[in-house]
Amino acid sequence: MTTKDYNNAVNVWADGLYRFVLKNISDTEKSRDIIQDCFEKMWVHRGNIDPEKVKAYLFTAAHHTMIDYLRKSKRETSIDWKKISEPTVNHDYSDLQEVLHEAVQRLPEIQRSVVLLRDYEGYSYQEIGVITGITEVQVKVYIYRARLFLKNYIGQIQSVV
């Protein structure tokens, strides 16, 4: 990877990478730090990176750095599926995007990551498996469970709007 390839990667992927991390941890300053760490790692290993695989490298690095951050801060939350028996809707919201953001933040970290990679970033199941280090089948299971939770959390669209 040349300096030109590196600069091009920064210009092309920085915003998408930032959105991905920010959606997962909801902390703007820490998200910026994680992105900076990812680009620093890419710069250090630029000689070993294929310019055509930069996107996968960056998202994988961001995912692993984010996991390290979450483990250190012990901010992982678990969902007690027994307590969530009926759709939960906060009628104070008037914006569907806010409701969806709130629902996504309630997902366990791994489910949130795979859903964001699939639905926001457009990765295939196989690519998500490579990025997260889990099997393609497990990726599908996590996405199914996350979408089921989101559906139950949001409830019927008429009650939100």
N, C-alpha and C. Protein backbone atom coordinates (compact mmCIF):
# COMPACT_ATOMS: atom_id res chain seq x y z
N MET A 1 0.85 -1.17 0.00
CA MET A 1 0.00 0.00 0.00
C MET A 1 0.89 1.23 0.00
N THR A 2 0.62 2.12 -0.91
CA THR A 2 1.39 3.35 -1.01
C THR A 2 0.75 4.44 -0.15
N THR A 3 1.45 5.54 -0.01
CA THR A 3 0.92 6.68 0.74
C THR A 3 -0.35 7.21 0.06
N LYS A 4 -0.36 7.18 -1.25
CA LYS A 4 -1.54 7.63 -1.99
C LYS A 4 -2.74 6.71 -1.70
N ASP A 5 -2.50 5.39 -1.66
CA ASP A 5 -3.56 4.44 -1.32
C ASP A 5 -4.08 4.68 0.09
N TYR A 6 -3.15 4.94 1.01
CA TYR A 6 -3.53 5.21 2.40
C TYR A 6 -4.40 6.46 2.49
N ASN A 7 -3.96 7.54 1.86
CA ASN A 7 -4.74 8.78 1.90
C ASN A 7 -6.11 8.60 1.25
N ASN A 8 -6.17 7.85 0.18
CA ASN A 8 -7.44 7.56 -0.47
C ASN A 8 -8.35 6.76 0.47
N ALA A 9 -7.79 5.80 1.18
CA ALA A 9 -8.58 5.00 2.13
C ALA A 9 -9.15 5.88 3.24
N VAL A 10 -8.36 6.81 3.72
CA VAL A 10 -8.84 7.73 4.76
C VAL A 10 -10.01 8.55 4.22
N ASN A 11 -9.86 9.08 3.03
CA ASN A 11 -10.92 9.90 2.44
C ASN A 11 -12.20 9.10 2.18
N VAL A 12 -12.06 7.86 1.74
CA VAL A 12 -13.22 7.06 1.34
C VAL A 12 -13.92 6.43 2.54
N TRP A 13 -13.16 5.88 3.50
CA TRP A 13 -13.76 5.03 4.53
C TRP A 13 -13.89 5.68 5.91
N ALA A 14 -13.33 6.83 6.15
CA ALA A 14 -13.35 7.42 7.49
C ALA A 14 -14.77 7.68 7.99
N ASP A 15 -15.63 8.25 7.16
CA ASP A 15 -16.99 8.57 7.60
C ASP A 15 -17.81 7.32 7.90
N GLY A 16 -17.76 6.33 7.03
CA GLY A 16 -18.50 5.09 7.25
C GLY A 16 -18.02 4.36 8.48
N LEU A 17 -16.72 4.34 8.68
CA LEU A 17 -16.14 3.69 9.85
C LEU A 17 -16.56 4.42 11.13
N TYR A 18 -16.55 5.74 11.09
CA TYR A 18 -16.97 6.53 12.24
C TYR A 18 -18.44 6.26 12.59
N ARG A 19 -19.31 6.22 11.57
CA ARG A 19 -20.73 5.94 11.81
C ARG A 19 -20.91 4.57 12.45
N PHE A 20 -20.18 3.59 11.94
CA PHE A 20 -20.27 2.23 12.47
C PHE A 20 -19.90 2.19 13.95
N VAL A 21 -18.79 2.80 14.31
CA VAL A 21 -18.34 2.79 15.70
C VAL A 21 -19.27 3.62 16.58
N LEU A 22 -19.68 4.77 16.10
CA LEU A 22 -20.55 5.64 16.88
C LEU A 22 -21.89 4.97 17.17
N LYS A 23 -22.44 4.27 16.20
CA LYS A 23 -23.71 3.55 16.41
C LYS A 23 -23.56 2.48 17.47
N ASN A 24 -22.38 1.91 17.60
CA ASN A 24 -22.16 0.84 18.56
C ASN A 24 -21.91 1.34 19.97
N ILE A 25 -21.16 2.42 20.11
CA ILE A 25 -20.79 2.82 21.47
C ILE A 25 -21.38 4.16 21.92
N SER A 26 -21.95 4.93 21.02
CA SER A 26 -22.64 6.20 21.36
C SER A 26 -21.77 7.17 22.16
N ASP A 27 -20.51 7.22 21.86
CA ASP A 27 -19.60 8.15 22.51
C ASP A 27 -18.72 8.76 21.43
N THR A 28 -18.98 10.04 21.12
CA THR A 28 -18.31 10.66 19.98
C THR A 28 -16.80 10.72 20.15
N GLU A 29 -16.34 11.08 21.33
CA GLU A 29 -14.89 11.21 21.54
C GLU A 29 -14.20 9.86 21.47
N LYS A 30 -14.78 8.86 22.10
CA LYS A 30 -14.17 7.53 22.06
C LYS A 30 -14.24 6.95 20.64
N SER A 31 -15.31 7.25 19.91
CA SER A 31 -15.41 6.80 18.53
C SER A 31 -14.29 7.39 17.68
N ARG A 32 -14.02 8.66 17.88
CA ARG A 32 -12.93 9.30 17.15
C ARG A 32 -11.58 8.66 17.50
N ASP A 33 -11.40 8.36 18.79
CA ASP A 33 -10.15 7.71 19.21
C ASP A 33 -9.99 6.34 18.57
N ILE A 34 -11.09 5.58 18.52
CA ILE A 34 -11.04 4.24 17.92
C ILE A 34 -10.70 4.33 16.44
N ILE A 35 -11.32 5.28 15.74
CA ILE A 35 -11.04 5.45 14.31
C ILE A 35 -9.59 5.85 14.10
N GLN A 36 -9.10 6.75 14.93
CA GLN A 36 -7.71 7.17 14.81
C GLN A 36 -6.78 5.98 15.05
N ASP A 37 -7.09 5.14 16.04
CA ASP A 37 -6.29 3.95 16.30
C ASP A 37 -6.28 3.01 15.09
N CYS A 38 -7.44 2.86 14.46
CA CYS A 38 -7.54 1.98 13.28
C CYS A 38 -6.67 2.48 12.14
N PHE A 39 -6.72 3.77 11.88
CA PHE A 39 -5.90 4.32 10.81
C PHE A 39 -4.41 4.30 11.17
N GLU A 40 -4.11 4.44 12.45
CA GLU A 40 -2.72 4.32 12.88
C GLU A 40 -2.21 2.89 12.66
N LYS A 41 -3.02 1.89 13.01
CA LYS A 41 -2.65 0.50 12.79
C LYS A 41 -2.46 0.23 11.30
N MET A 42 -3.35 0.80 10.49
CA MET A 42 -3.22 0.60 9.05
C MET A 42 -1.93 1.23 8.53
N TRP A 43 -1.56 2.39 9.07
CA TRP A 43 -0.33 3.05 8.63
C TRP A 43 0.89 2.21 9.02
N VAL A 44 0.88 1.67 10.23
CA VAL A 44 2.00 0.86 10.69
C VAL A 44 2.15 -0.40 9.83
N HIS A 45 1.03 -1.00 9.45
CA HIS A 45 1.05 -2.25 8.69
C HIS A 45 0.79 -2.04 7.20
N ARG A 46 1.00 -0.84 6.72
CA ARG A 46 0.65 -0.52 5.33
C ARG A 46 1.39 -1.38 4.32
N GLY A 47 2.56 -1.85 4.65
CA GLY A 47 3.33 -2.68 3.74
C GLY A 47 2.72 -4.06 3.55
N ASN A 48 1.92 -4.50 4.49
CA ASN A 48 1.33 -5.85 4.44
C ASN A 48 -0.13 -5.85 4.01
N ILE A 49 -0.68 -4.70 3.69
CA ILE A 49 -2.11 -4.60 3.38
C ILE A 49 -2.31 -4.44 1.89
N ASP A 50 -3.19 -5.26 1.35
CA ASP A 50 -3.57 -5.17 -0.05
C ASP A 50 -4.51 -3.97 -0.20
N PRO A 51 -4.23 -3.03 -1.10
CA PRO A 51 -5.09 -1.85 -1.25
C PRO A 51 -6.55 -2.18 -1.55
N GLU A 52 -6.81 -3.35 -2.12
CA GLU A 52 -8.19 -3.71 -2.44
C GLU A 52 -8.94 -4.29 -1.24
N LYS A 53 -8.22 -4.56 -0.15
CA LYS A 53 -8.84 -5.13 1.05
C LYS A 53 -8.82 -4.16 2.22
N VAL A 54 -8.67 -2.89 1.92
CA VAL A 54 -8.58 -1.87 2.95
C VAL A 54 -9.87 -1.78 3.76
N LYS A 55 -11.02 -1.83 3.11
CA LYS A 55 -12.30 -1.71 3.80
C LYS A 55 -12.46 -2.82 4.83
N ALA A 56 -12.21 -4.04 4.44
CA ALA A 56 -12.32 -5.16 5.37
C ALA A 56 -11.33 -5.01 6.52
N TYR A 57 -10.11 -4.59 6.21
CA TYR A 57 -9.10 -4.40 7.25
C TYR A 57 -9.56 -3.35 8.27
N LEU A 58 -10.06 -2.22 7.77
CA LEU A 58 -10.47 -1.13 8.67
C LEU A 58 -11.66 -1.53 9.54
N PHE A 59 -12.67 -2.15 8.94
CA PHE A 59 -13.84 -2.53 9.73
C PHE A 59 -13.50 -3.64 10.74
N THR A 60 -12.62 -4.54 10.36
CA THR A 60 -12.18 -5.58 11.30
C THR A 60 -11.41 -4.95 12.46
N ALA A 61 -10.50 -4.06 12.15
CA ALA A 61 -9.73 -3.37 13.19
C ALA A 61 -10.65 -2.56 14.10
N ALA A 62 -11.61 -1.87 13.51
CA ALA A 62 -12.55 -1.08 14.32
C ALA A 62 -13.38 -1.99 15.22
N HIS A 63 -13.84 -3.10 14.67
CA HIS A 63 -14.65 -4.03 15.46
C HIS A 63 -13.85 -4.55 16.66
N HIS A 64 -12.61 -4.97 16.44
CA HIS A 64 -11.81 -5.51 17.53
C HIS A 64 -11.42 -4.43 18.54
N THR A 65 -11.11 -3.26 18.07
CA THR A 65 -10.77 -2.16 18.98
C THR A 65 -11.98 -1.77 19.82
N MET A 66 -13.14 -1.77 19.19
CA MET A 66 -14.38 -1.45 19.89
C MET A 66 -14.67 -2.49 20.98
N ILE A 67 -14.47 -3.75 20.66
CA ILE A 67 -14.68 -4.82 21.65
C ILE A 67 -13.74 -4.63 22.82
N ASP A 68 -12.49 -4.31 22.55
CA ASP A 68 -11.53 -4.07 23.62
C ASP A 68 -12.00 -2.92 24.51
N TYR A 69 -12.48 -1.86 23.89
CA TYR A 69 -12.99 -0.72 24.65
C TYR A 69 -14.18 -1.12 25.53
N LEU A 70 -15.11 -1.87 24.96
CA LEU A 70 -16.29 -2.27 25.72
C LEU A 70 -15.93 -3.19 26.87
N ARG A 71 -14.97 -4.06 26.66
CA ARG A 71 -14.54 -4.94 27.74
C ARG A 71 -13.87 -4.15 28.86
N LYS A 72 -13.07 -3.19 28.48
CA LYS A 72 -12.39 -2.39 29.49
C LYS A 72 -13.36 -1.54 30.29
N SER A 73 -14.35 -0.99 29.62
CA SER A 73 -15.29 -0.11 30.31
C SER A 73 -16.44 -0.86 30.96
N LYS A 74 -16.53 -2.15 30.68
CA LYS A 74 -17.57 -3.01 31.26
C LYS A 74 -18.96 -2.44 31.04
N ARG A 75 -19.19 -1.94 29.82
CA ARG A 75 -20.48 -1.36 29.49
C ARG A 75 -21.40 -2.34 28.78
N GLU A 76 -21.00 -3.60 28.72
CA GLU A 76 -21.83 -4.58 28.05
C GLU A 76 -23.11 -4.76 28.84
N THR A 77 -24.21 -4.78 28.14
CA THR A 77 -25.49 -5.00 28.77
C THR A 77 -26.09 -6.28 28.23
N SER A 78 -26.83 -6.94 29.08
CA SER A 78 -27.50 -8.15 28.61
C SER A 78 -29.00 -7.93 28.71
N ILE A 79 -29.70 -8.59 27.83
CA ILE A 79 -31.15 -8.46 27.78
C ILE A 79 -31.77 -9.65 28.47
N ASP A 80 -32.64 -9.38 29.39
CA ASP A 80 -33.39 -10.46 30.03
C ASP A 80 -34.65 -10.67 29.20
N TRP A 81 -34.62 -11.69 28.36
CA TRP A 81 -35.72 -11.95 27.43
C TRP A 81 -37.01 -12.25 28.16
N LYS A 82 -36.94 -12.73 29.40
CA LYS A 82 -38.15 -13.05 30.17
C LYS A 82 -38.92 -11.78 30.54
N LYS A 83 -38.18 -10.70 30.78
CA LYS A 83 -38.83 -9.45 31.17
C LYS A 83 -39.47 -8.73 30.00
N ILE A 84 -39.02 -9.03 28.81
CA ILE A 84 -39.55 -8.38 27.62
C ILE A 84 -40.58 -9.32 27.00
N SER A 85 -41.80 -9.21 27.48
CA SER A 85 -42.84 -10.11 26.99
C SER A 85 -43.76 -9.43 25.98
N GLU A 86 -43.82 -8.13 26.04
CA GLU A 86 -44.66 -7.41 25.10
C GLU A 86 -43.89 -6.23 24.55
N PRO A 87 -44.33 -5.70 23.42
CA PRO A 87 -43.62 -4.58 22.82
C PRO A 87 -43.54 -3.39 23.78
N THR A 88 -42.37 -2.79 23.80
CA THR A 88 -42.14 -1.63 24.63
C THR A 88 -42.09 -0.41 23.73
N VAL A 89 -42.97 0.52 23.96
CA VAL A 89 -43.00 1.71 23.14
C VAL A 89 -43.05 2.91 24.07
N ASN A 90 -42.14 3.84 23.83
CA ASN A 90 -42.14 5.07 24.58
C ASN A 90 -42.87 6.11 23.71
N HIS A 91 -44.03 6.53 24.14
CA HIS A 91 -44.85 7.42 23.32
C HIS A 91 -44.34 8.86 23.31
N ASP A 92 -43.25 9.13 24.05
CA ASP A 92 -42.67 10.46 24.02
C ASP A 92 -41.92 10.71 22.71
N TYR A 93 -41.55 9.64 22.00
CA TYR A 93 -40.83 9.78 20.75
C TYR A 93 -41.78 10.12 19.62
N SER A 94 -41.34 11.02 18.77
CA SER A 94 -42.12 11.33 17.59
C SER A 94 -41.34 10.99 16.32
N ASP A 95 -40.11 10.58 16.48
CA ASP A 95 -39.25 10.31 15.34
C ASP A 95 -38.89 8.83 15.34
N LEU A 96 -39.20 8.14 14.25
CA LEU A 96 -38.94 6.72 14.14
C LEU A 96 -37.45 6.42 14.24
N GLN A 97 -36.63 7.31 13.73
CA GLN A 97 -35.19 7.10 13.80
C GLN A 97 -34.71 7.08 15.26
N GLU A 98 -35.27 7.94 16.09
CA GLU A 98 -34.91 7.94 17.50
C GLU A 98 -35.32 6.64 18.17
N VAL A 99 -36.50 6.15 17.84
CA VAL A 99 -36.98 4.89 18.42
C VAL A 99 -36.08 3.75 17.98
N LEU A 100 -35.73 3.72 16.71
CA LEU A 100 -34.87 2.66 16.20
C LEU A 100 -33.48 2.74 16.83
N HIS A 101 -32.95 3.93 16.97
CA HIS A 101 -31.64 4.10 17.61
C HIS A 101 -31.66 3.59 19.05
N GLU A 102 -32.71 3.92 19.76
CA GLU A 102 -32.87 3.45 21.15
C GLU A 102 -32.94 1.93 21.19
N ALA A 103 -33.68 1.35 20.26
CA ALA A 103 -33.81 -0.12 20.21
C ALA A 103 -32.47 -0.77 19.89
N VAL A 104 -31.73 -0.21 18.94
CA VAL A 104 -30.43 -0.78 18.56
C VAL A 104 -29.46 -0.70 19.73
N GLN A 105 -29.51 0.36 20.51
CA GLN A 105 -28.61 0.50 21.66
C GLN A 105 -28.90 -0.53 22.75
N ARG A 106 -30.10 -1.08 22.78
CA ARG A 106 -30.47 -2.08 23.78
C ARG A 106 -30.03 -3.49 23.40
N LEU A 107 -29.56 -3.65 22.17
CA LEU A 107 -29.09 -4.97 21.73
C LEU A 107 -27.76 -5.31 22.40
N PRO A 108 -27.50 -6.61 22.61
CA PRO A 108 -26.16 -7.00 23.07
C PRO A 108 -25.13 -6.59 22.03
N GLU A 109 -23.90 -6.37 22.46
CA GLU A 109 -22.87 -5.79 21.61
C GLU A 109 -22.66 -6.56 20.31
N ILE A 110 -22.58 -7.88 20.35
CA ILE A 110 -22.32 -8.65 19.14
C ILE A 110 -23.49 -8.57 18.18
N GLN A 111 -24.72 -8.60 18.69
CA GLN A 111 -25.89 -8.49 17.82
C GLN A 111 -25.94 -7.10 17.19
N ARG A 112 -25.63 -6.09 17.97
CA ARG A 112 -25.62 -4.72 17.44
C ARG A 112 -24.59 -4.60 16.32
N SER A 113 -23.41 -5.18 16.52
CA SER A 113 -22.36 -5.10 15.51
C SER A 113 -22.78 -5.76 14.20
N VAL A 114 -23.30 -6.99 14.29
CA VAL A 114 -23.63 -7.70 13.05
C VAL A 114 -24.81 -7.04 12.33
N VAL A 115 -25.78 -6.53 13.08
CA VAL A 115 -26.91 -5.85 12.43
C VAL A 115 -26.44 -4.57 11.75
N LEU A 116 -25.58 -3.82 12.40
CA LEU A 116 -25.09 -2.59 11.79
C LEU A 116 -24.22 -2.89 10.57
N LEU A 117 -23.40 -3.91 10.65
CA LEU A 117 -22.58 -4.27 9.50
C LEU A 117 -23.45 -4.73 8.33
N ARG A 118 -24.51 -5.47 8.62
CA ARG A 118 -25.37 -6.00 7.56
C ARG A 118 -26.29 -4.91 7.00
N ASP A 119 -27.05 -4.26 7.88
CA ASP A 119 -28.11 -3.37 7.43
C ASP A 119 -27.65 -1.94 7.16
N TYR A 120 -26.64 -1.46 7.87
CA TYR A 120 -26.17 -0.09 7.66
C TYR A 120 -25.02 -0.03 6.66
N GLU A 121 -24.11 -0.99 6.75
CA GLU A 121 -22.92 -0.95 5.91
C GLU A 121 -23.01 -1.85 4.69
N GLY A 122 -23.96 -2.79 4.66
CA GLY A 122 -24.20 -3.61 3.48
C GLY A 122 -23.25 -4.77 3.27
N TYR A 123 -22.61 -5.24 4.32
CA TYR A 123 -21.73 -6.40 4.19
C TYR A 123 -22.53 -7.67 4.02
N SER A 124 -21.93 -8.67 3.37
CA SER A 124 -22.55 -9.99 3.24
C SER A 124 -22.32 -10.75 4.54
N TYR A 125 -23.07 -11.86 4.70
CA TYR A 125 -22.91 -12.68 5.90
C TYR A 125 -21.48 -13.19 6.02
N GLN A 126 -20.90 -13.58 4.91
CA GLN A 126 -19.54 -14.11 4.91
C GLN A 126 -18.54 -13.03 5.34
N GLU A 127 -18.69 -11.83 4.81
CA GLU A 127 -17.79 -10.73 5.18
C GLU A 127 -17.93 -10.38 6.66
N ILE A 128 -19.15 -10.39 7.16
CA ILE A 128 -19.37 -10.10 8.58
C ILE A 128 -18.70 -11.17 9.43
N GLY A 129 -18.78 -12.42 9.01
CA GLY A 129 -18.11 -13.49 9.73
C GLY A 129 -16.61 -13.29 9.80
N VAL A 130 -16.02 -12.84 8.71
CA VAL A 130 -14.58 -12.59 8.68
C VAL A 130 -14.24 -11.42 9.61
N ILE A 131 -15.03 -10.36 9.55
CA ILE A 131 -14.77 -9.17 10.37
C ILE A 131 -14.89 -9.48 11.85
N THR A 132 -15.95 -10.20 12.23
CA THR A 132 -16.21 -10.45 13.66
C THR A 132 -15.54 -11.69 14.19
N GLY A 133 -15.08 -12.56 13.28
CA GLY A 133 -14.40 -13.78 13.72
C GLY A 133 -15.36 -14.88 14.15
N ILE A 134 -16.60 -14.84 13.67
CA ILE A 134 -17.56 -15.89 13.99
C ILE A 134 -18.02 -16.54 12.68
N THR A 135 -18.68 -17.68 12.79
CA THR A 135 -19.09 -18.39 11.59
C THR A 135 -20.25 -17.68 10.91
N GLU A 136 -20.41 -17.98 9.63
CA GLU A 136 -21.49 -17.38 8.86
C GLU A 136 -22.85 -17.77 9.43
N VAL A 137 -22.97 -19.01 9.90
CA VAL A 137 -24.23 -19.48 10.49
C VAL A 137 -24.53 -18.69 11.76
N GLN A 138 -23.52 -18.46 12.58
CA GLN A 138 -23.73 -17.70 13.82
C GLN A 138 -24.09 -16.25 13.51
N VAL A 139 -23.52 -15.69 12.45
CA VAL A 139 -23.88 -14.34 12.02
C VAL A 139 -25.37 -14.28 11.72
N LYS A 140 -25.86 -15.26 10.97
CA LYS A 140 -27.29 -15.30 10.62
C LYS A 140 -28.16 -15.42 11.87
N VAL A 141 -27.72 -16.23 12.83
CA VAL A 141 -28.48 -16.40 14.07
C VAL A 141 -28.53 -15.08 14.84
N TYR A 142 -27.39 -14.40 14.97
CA TYR A 142 -27.36 -13.12 15.69
C TYR A 142 -28.24 -12.07 15.01
N ILE A 143 -28.19 -12.03 13.69
CA ILE A 143 -29.01 -11.07 12.95
C ILE A 143 -30.49 -11.38 13.14
N TYR A 144 -30.84 -12.65 13.07
CA TYR A 144 -32.25 -13.04 13.28
C TYR A 144 -32.72 -12.63 14.68
N ARG A 145 -31.92 -12.94 15.69
CA ARG A 145 -32.30 -12.60 17.07
C ARG A 145 -32.40 -11.09 17.27
N ALA A 146 -31.47 -10.37 16.67
CA ALA A 146 -31.49 -8.91 16.81
C ALA A 146 -32.72 -8.32 16.13
N ARG A 147 -33.03 -8.80 14.93
CA ARG A 147 -34.21 -8.28 14.23
C ARG A 147 -35.49 -8.64 14.96
N LEU A 148 -35.53 -9.83 15.55
CA LEU A 148 -36.70 -10.23 16.33
C LEU A 148 -36.87 -9.32 17.54
N PHE A 149 -35.77 -9.03 18.22
CA PHE A 149 -35.83 -8.11 19.35
C PHE A 149 -36.30 -6.73 18.91
N LEU A 150 -35.73 -6.22 17.80
CA LEU A 150 -36.11 -4.90 17.31
C LEU A 150 -37.60 -4.86 16.96
N LYS A 151 -38.07 -5.91 16.34
CA LYS A 151 -39.49 -5.99 15.98
C LYS A 151 -40.37 -5.96 17.24
N ASN A 152 -39.99 -6.73 18.23
CA ASN A 152 -40.76 -6.75 19.48
C ASN A 152 -40.64 -5.45 20.26
N TYR A 153 -39.47 -4.84 20.23
CA TYR A 153 -39.26 -3.60 20.96
C TYR A 153 -40.07 -2.46 20.35
N ILE A 154 -39.99 -2.34 19.05
CA ILE A 154 -40.68 -1.25 18.38
C ILE A 154 -42.18 -1.50 18.33
N GLY A 155 -42.59 -2.75 18.22
CA GLY A 155 -44.02 -3.06 18.16
C GLY A 155 -44.56 -2.73 16.80
N GLN A 156 -45.79 -2.44 16.76
CA GLN A 156 -46.41 -2.10 15.49
C GLN A 156 -46.11 -0.67 15.13
N ILE A 157 -45.90 -0.44 13.88
CA ILE A 157 -45.50 0.88 13.40
C ILE A 157 -46.56 1.94 13.70
N GLN A 158 -47.82 1.55 13.76
CA GLN A 158 -48.89 2.52 14.04
C GLN A 158 -48.78 3.08 15.46
N SER A 159 -48.29 2.28 16.38
CA SER A 159 -48.17 2.77 17.76
C SER A 159 -46.99 3.70 17.93
N VAL A 160 -46.02 3.65 17.03
CA VAL A 160 -44.85 4.52 17.11
C VAL A 160 -45.13 5.86 16.44
N VAL A 161 -45.81 5.82 15.30
CA VAL A 161 -46.02 7.03 14.51
C VAL A 161 -47.15 7.83 15.01
